Protein backbone atom coordinates (compact mmCIF):
# COMPACT_ATOMS: atom_id res chain seq x y z
CA MET A 1 147.45 100.14 69.66
CA LEU A 2 145.91 97.68 71.38
CA PHE A 3 142.13 96.70 70.87
CA ILE A 4 141.82 98.62 67.59
CA GLY A 5 139.04 97.14 66.04
CA LEU A 6 138.48 96.95 62.10
CA VAL A 7 135.55 96.69 60.04
CA ILE A 8 135.96 96.75 56.69
CA LEU A 9 132.51 97.74 54.50
CA SER A 10 130.59 95.89 57.56
CA MET A 11 131.81 92.74 56.55
CA GLY A 12 132.55 91.82 60.35
CA PHE A 13 136.37 90.77 60.23
CA ARG A 14 137.61 90.24 63.49
CA ARG A 15 141.54 91.11 64.90
CA THR A 16 142.64 88.12 64.62
CA ASP A 17 141.51 87.56 60.71
CA PRO A 18 144.56 87.28 58.19
CA TYR A 19 142.88 90.26 56.19
CA PHE A 20 144.57 92.96 58.51
CA THR A 21 146.89 94.32 55.63
CA GLU A 22 148.03 97.79 55.27
CA GLU A 23 145.93 98.13 52.55
CA ALA A 24 142.84 96.85 54.55
CA ILE A 25 143.45 99.72 57.21
CA ASN A 26 143.64 102.36 55.15
CA LEU A 27 140.15 101.49 53.70
CA ILE A 28 137.85 102.30 56.46
CA THR A 29 138.68 102.10 60.37
CA PHE A 30 135.98 102.27 62.88
CA ILE A 31 136.78 102.03 66.59
CA MET A 32 135.37 98.81 68.21
CA LEU A 33 134.14 98.29 71.93
CA TYR A 34 135.38 94.73 73.12
CA LEU A 35 133.61 92.79 75.58
CA ILE A 36 136.59 90.41 77.02
CA GLY A 37 135.34 87.15 78.94
CA ILE A 38 134.18 83.76 78.99
CA PRO A 39 130.69 83.27 77.14
CA ASN A 40 129.24 81.08 80.15
CA CYS A 41 129.79 83.68 82.91
CA ASN A 42 126.44 84.96 83.88
CA LYS A 43 127.95 88.49 84.23
CA ILE A 44 129.34 88.10 80.62
CA LYS A 45 125.80 86.87 79.54
CA ASP A 46 124.26 90.11 81.24
CA THR A 47 126.36 92.54 79.59
CA ARG A 48 125.84 91.11 76.27
CA SER A 49 122.12 91.42 76.90
CA TRP A 50 122.79 95.09 78.23
CA LEU A 51 124.84 96.03 75.13
CA GLU A 52 122.44 94.64 72.75
CA GLU A 53 118.90 96.20 74.37
CA LYS A 54 121.21 99.20 73.95
CA GLY A 55 121.97 98.24 70.59
CA ILE A 56 125.92 98.76 71.30
CA THR A 57 127.84 97.21 68.67
CA TYR A 58 130.55 94.80 70.17
CA GLU A 59 133.28 92.36 69.56
CA PHE A 60 133.29 89.43 71.90
CA VAL A 61 136.84 88.15 73.16
CA HIS A 62 136.38 84.57 74.35
CA VAL A 63 139.45 84.68 76.35
CA LYS A 64 139.46 80.67 76.38
CA LYS A 65 139.77 80.71 72.35
CA GLU A 66 141.72 83.93 71.94
CA PRO A 67 143.72 84.43 75.07
CA LEU A 68 144.90 87.83 75.86
CA SER A 69 148.69 88.18 75.27
CA LYS A 70 150.90 89.30 78.26
CA ASP A 71 151.51 92.76 76.89
CA GLU A 72 147.69 92.98 76.65
CA ILE A 73 146.87 91.93 79.83
CA SER A 74 149.56 94.44 81.34
CA ASP A 75 147.90 96.98 79.21
CA LEU A 76 144.73 96.50 81.09
CA ALA A 77 146.38 96.31 84.64
CA HIS A 78 148.46 99.54 83.59
CA LYS A 79 144.87 101.07 82.75
CA VAL A 80 142.83 99.54 85.58
CA GLY A 81 145.46 98.12 88.29
CA VAL A 82 146.35 94.78 89.04
CA ASP A 83 143.78 94.47 92.25
CA VAL A 84 140.90 95.84 89.79
CA LEU A 85 141.82 92.92 86.90
CA ILE A 86 141.92 90.17 88.85
CA ASN A 87 138.98 88.07 90.37
CA THR A 88 139.95 86.99 93.69
CA ARG A 89 136.87 85.24 94.89
CA GLY A 90 136.79 83.32 91.95
CA THR A 91 137.12 79.58 91.44
CA THR A 92 140.40 79.89 89.69
CA TYR A 93 142.04 82.24 91.88
CA GLN A 94 141.19 80.05 94.93
CA LYS A 95 142.24 76.77 93.62
CA LEU A 96 145.82 78.46 92.84
CA GLU A 97 145.91 78.90 96.62
CA ILE A 98 147.63 81.99 96.15
CA LYS A 99 145.99 84.52 98.33
CA ASP A 100 148.84 84.13 101.22
CA LYS A 101 151.72 84.18 98.50
CA ASN A 102 152.84 87.73 98.53
CA LEU A 103 153.30 87.58 94.99
CA SER A 104 154.27 90.32 92.88
CA ASP A 105 152.10 92.09 90.07
CA GLU A 106 154.40 90.87 87.95
CA GLU A 107 153.72 87.19 89.38
CA LEU A 108 150.47 87.97 89.41
CA LEU A 109 150.17 89.15 85.47
CA GLU A 110 151.83 85.99 84.56
CA LEU A 111 149.46 83.90 86.29
CA VAL A 112 146.93 85.71 85.05
CA HIS A 113 148.23 85.25 81.33
CA GLU A 114 148.30 81.39 82.11
CA HIS A 115 144.65 81.34 83.94
CA GLN A 116 142.84 83.61 81.76
CA SER A 117 139.55 82.87 83.80
CA MET A 118 141.23 84.81 86.44
CA LEU A 119 140.21 87.79 85.00
CA LYS A 120 137.51 89.73 86.74
CA ARG A 121 134.39 89.58 84.32
CA PRO A 122 133.24 91.65 82.21
CA ILE A 123 136.09 93.88 80.56
CA LEU A 124 135.29 96.27 78.37
CA VAL A 125 137.62 98.15 76.32
CA LEU A 126 137.06 101.11 73.89
CA GLU A 127 140.36 102.71 72.67
CA GLU A 128 142.31 103.97 75.98
CA SER A 129 139.45 103.29 78.42
CA VAL A 130 138.72 100.16 79.98
CA LEU A 131 135.63 99.16 82.24
CA VAL A 132 136.17 95.94 84.93
CA GLY A 133 132.95 94.55 86.16
CA PHE A 134 129.23 94.23 86.07
CA ASP A 135 127.62 97.75 86.85
CA GLU A 136 124.60 98.92 84.72
CA GLU A 137 125.30 102.65 85.88
CA ALA A 138 128.94 102.60 85.07
CA PHE A 139 127.80 101.06 81.30
CA GLU A 140 125.48 103.73 80.89
CA GLN A 141 128.37 106.62 82.26
CA PHE A 142 130.58 104.61 79.82
CA ALA A 143 128.28 104.10 77.20
CA LYS A 144 127.63 108.20 77.37
CA GLN A 145 130.88 109.25 77.54
CA HIS A 146 131.99 107.45 74.49
CA GLU A 147 128.97 108.56 72.36
CA LEU A 148 127.72 104.89 71.92
CA LEU A 149 124.23 106.45 73.53
CA ASP A 150 121.93 108.77 71.75
């Protein structure tokens, strides 16, 4: 399953750590909220502040250092739609001059895999739920729905 986090005895292991053995997975597993983006993005900064103010634990996935796989990008696109996932107003999208090229969804997702700064930010992932874009009301509903808030 994509985007399932593992925390062993509150030691904060990341999904990319080599400690993810079958034995470790059987010890103790928690579902982790993932915040996907780029740290210098203002929307990501705002989202991190909001999450921290609310006391919500999350793991940040820096897509320039830990790029999403093609399968992860396809999974996100399947859940929210390609049009929601891609930031068509961003500089990367504009520089690639793809607006009028009539690319298929598969071609667009391939470009997103190559240029992950094209992802609309922030992206919140918890289990099978995905929320894209900065919207405090939507964050509040998402957090309550998943019992992240009291």
